[in-house]
Amino acid sequence: MGTRTVRLDNEAEQTLERLRTITGLTISELLKHGLTAYEGRALEQAKRKPYDIYRKLDLGPSGYAVAPAREAKSAVAQVIRRKDKG
């Protein structure tokens, strides 16, 4: 079993104290629970593929496209002209 020293800011200290009051657990027990909970969350995140993230994006109708792909070159030129006129 290892011994660790950690530094907590005031907000983390207050959260830790509130959790101790609510649960009656020791600081060590709370930190163990927190690590276990975070491990599960981190494992879920690590399993995500780029497509999983993309699937959740709401780009709306046609995404952020300002023109169909076949008109991309002229659309880019128009966008640049509009930005130049500002």
C-alpha atoms as a PDB file:
ATOM      1  CA  MET A   1       0.000   0.000   0.000  1.00  0.00           C
ATOM      2  CA  GLY A   2       1.409   3.383  -1.006  1.00  0.00           C
ATOM      3  CA  THR A   3       1.183   6.689   0.747  1.00  0.00           C
ATOM      4  CA  ARG A   4       0.540   9.767  -1.379  1.00  0.00           C
ATOM      5  CA  THR A   5       0.609  13.451  -0.671  1.00  0.00           C
ATOM      6  CA  VAL A   6      -1.776  15.564  -2.713  1.00  0.00           C
ATOM      7  CA  ARG A   7      -2.472  19.266  -2.805  1.00  0.00           C
ATOM      8  CA  LEU A   8      -6.069  20.372  -3.101  1.00  0.00           C
ATOM      9  CA  ASP A   9      -7.306  23.856  -3.823  1.00  0.00           C
ATOM     10  CA  ASN A  10      -9.947  25.431  -1.582  1.00  0.00           C
ATOM     11  CA  GLU A  11     -12.827  24.274  -3.776  1.00  0.00           C
ATOM     12  CA  ALA A  12     -11.650  20.650  -3.703  1.00  0.00           C
ATOM     13  CA  GLU A  13     -11.125  20.834   0.059  1.00  0.00           C
ATOM     14  CA  GLN A  14     -14.664  22.141   0.539  1.00  0.00           C
ATOM     15  CA  THR A  15     -16.073  19.409  -1.694  1.00  0.00           C
ATOM     16  CA  LEU A  16     -14.125  16.781   0.220  1.00  0.00           C
ATOM     17  CA  GLU A  17     -15.405  18.112   3.536  1.00  0.00           C
ATOM     18  CA  ARG A  18     -19.011  18.182   2.286  1.00  0.00           C
ATOM     19  CA  LEU A  19     -18.687  14.594   1.083  1.00  0.00           C
ATOM     20  CA  ARG A  20     -17.230  13.508   4.429  1.00  0.00           C
ATOM     21  CA  THR A  21     -20.162  15.144   6.220  1.00  0.00           C
ATOM     22  CA  ILE A  22     -22.762  13.634   3.899  1.00  0.00           C
ATOM     23  CA  THR A  23     -21.335  10.116   3.682  1.00  0.00           C
ATOM     24  CA  GLY A  24     -19.408   9.699   6.914  1.00  0.00           C
ATOM     25  CA  LEU A  25     -16.543   8.164   4.918  1.00  0.00           C
ATOM     26  CA  THR A  26     -12.893   8.894   5.589  1.00  0.00           C
ATOM     27  CA  ILE A  27     -10.826  10.950   3.174  1.00  0.00           C
ATOM     28  CA  SER A  28      -9.046   7.784   2.007  1.00  0.00           C
ATOM     29  CA  GLU A  29     -12.343   6.004   1.345  1.00  0.00           C
ATOM     30  CA  LEU A  30     -13.723   8.983  -0.566  1.00  0.00           C
ATOM     31  CA  LEU A  31     -10.615   9.242  -2.701  1.00  0.00           C
ATOM     32  CA  LYS A  32     -10.728   5.506  -3.461  1.00  0.00           C
ATOM     33  CA  HIS A  33     -14.375   5.789  -4.530  1.00  0.00           C
ATOM     34  CA  GLY A  34     -13.515   8.800  -6.665  1.00  0.00           C
ATOM     35  CA  LEU A  35     -10.641   7.001  -8.370  1.00  0.00           C
ATOM     36  CA  THR A  36     -12.804   3.967  -9.069  1.00  0.00           C
ATOM     37  CA  ALA A  37     -15.574   6.129 -10.526  1.00  0.00           C
ATOM     38  CA  TYR A  38     -13.115   8.053 -12.682  1.00  0.00           C
ATOM     39  CA  GLU A  39     -11.502   4.854 -13.912  1.00  0.00           C
ATOM     40  CA  GLY A  40     -14.833   3.656 -15.294  1.00  0.00           C
ATOM     41  CA  ARG A  41     -15.419   6.971 -16.999  1.00  0.00           C
ATOM     42  CA  ALA A  42     -11.902   7.056 -18.433  1.00  0.00           C
ATOM     43  CA  LEU A  43     -12.268   3.528 -19.802  1.00  0.00           C
ATOM     44  CA  GLU A  44     -15.497   4.514 -21.556  1.00  0.00           C
ATOM     45  CA  GLN A  45     -13.783   7.537 -23.078  1.00  0.00           C
ATOM     46  CA  ALA A  46     -10.802   5.461 -24.209  1.00  0.00           C
ATOM     47  CA  LYS A  47     -13.107   3.042 -26.038  1.00  0.00           C
ATOM     48  CA  ARG A  48     -14.785   5.808 -28.045  1.00  0.00           C
ATOM     49  CA  LYS A  49     -13.927   5.955 -31.701  1.00  0.00           C
ATOM     50  CA  PRO A  50     -13.910   9.173 -33.736  1.00  0.00           C
ATOM     51  CA  TYR A  51     -17.137   8.082 -35.421  1.00  0.00           C
ATOM     52  CA  ASP A  52     -18.865   7.820 -32.019  1.00  0.00           C
ATOM     53  CA  ILE A  53     -18.079  11.476 -31.418  1.00  0.00           C
ATOM     54  CA  TYR A  54     -19.078  12.474 -34.949  1.00  0.00           C
ATOM     55  CA  ARG A  55     -22.421  10.670 -34.609  1.00  0.00           C
ATOM     56  CA  LYS A  56     -23.361  12.893 -31.675  1.00  0.00           C
ATOM     57  CA  LEU A  57     -22.635  16.145 -33.493  1.00  0.00           C
ATOM     58  CA  ASP A  58     -25.719  17.974 -34.686  1.00  0.00           C
ATOM     59  CA  LEU A  59     -24.698  19.738 -37.847  1.00  0.00           C
ATOM     60  CA  GLY A  60     -28.286  20.437 -38.866  1.00  0.00           C
ATOM     61  CA  PRO A  61     -29.497  20.196 -42.453  1.00  0.00           C
ATOM     62  CA  SER A  62     -26.494  20.101 -44.808  1.00  0.00           C
ATOM     63  CA  GLY A  63     -24.147  20.508 -41.871  1.00  0.00           C
ATOM     64  CA  TYR A  64     -22.202  23.750 -42.032  1.00  0.00           C
ATOM     65  CA  ALA A  65     -21.948  23.681 -45.823  1.00  0.00           C
ATOM     66  CA  VAL A  66     -22.603  26.946 -47.610  1.00  0.00           C
ATOM     67  CA  ALA A  67     -22.882  25.219 -50.984  1.00  0.00           C
ATOM     68  CA  PRO A  68     -22.994  21.732 -52.490  1.00  0.00           C
ATOM     69  CA  ALA A  69     -19.602  20.068 -52.986  1.00  0.00           C
ATOM     70  CA  ARG A  70     -19.799  20.455 -56.771  1.00  0.00           C
ATOM     71  CA  GLU A  71     -19.869  24.246 -56.283  1.00  0.00           C
ATOM     72  CA  ALA A  72     -17.158  24.372 -53.610  1.00  0.00           C
ATOM     73  CA  LYS A  73     -14.573  26.409 -55.540  1.00  0.00           C
ATOM     74  CA  SER A  74     -16.958  29.209 -56.453  1.00  0.00           C
ATOM     75  CA  ALA A  75     -18.505  29.152 -52.972  1.00  0.00           C
ATOM     76  CA  VAL A  76     -15.087  29.601 -51.345  1.00  0.00           C
ATOM     77  CA  ALA A  77     -14.387  32.558 -53.589  1.00  0.00           C
ATOM     78  CA  GLN A  78     -17.736  34.135 -52.631  1.00  0.00           C
ATOM     79  CA  VAL A  79     -17.096  33.618 -48.930  1.00  0.00           C
ATOM     80  CA  ILE A  80     -13.667  35.236 -49.210  1.00  0.00           C
ATOM     81  CA  ARG A  81     -15.135  38.212 -51.111  1.00  0.00           C
ATOM     82  CA  ARG A  82     -17.817  38.654 -48.404  1.00  0.00           C
ATOM     83  CA  LYS A  83     -15.193  38.582 -45.654  1.00  0.00           C
ATOM     84  CA  ASP A  84     -13.049  41.129 -47.489  1.00  0.00           C
ATOM     85  CA  LYS A  85     -16.005  43.542 -47.675  1.00  0.00           C
ATOM     86  CA  GLY A  86     -16.514  42.902 -43.954  1.00  0.00           C
END
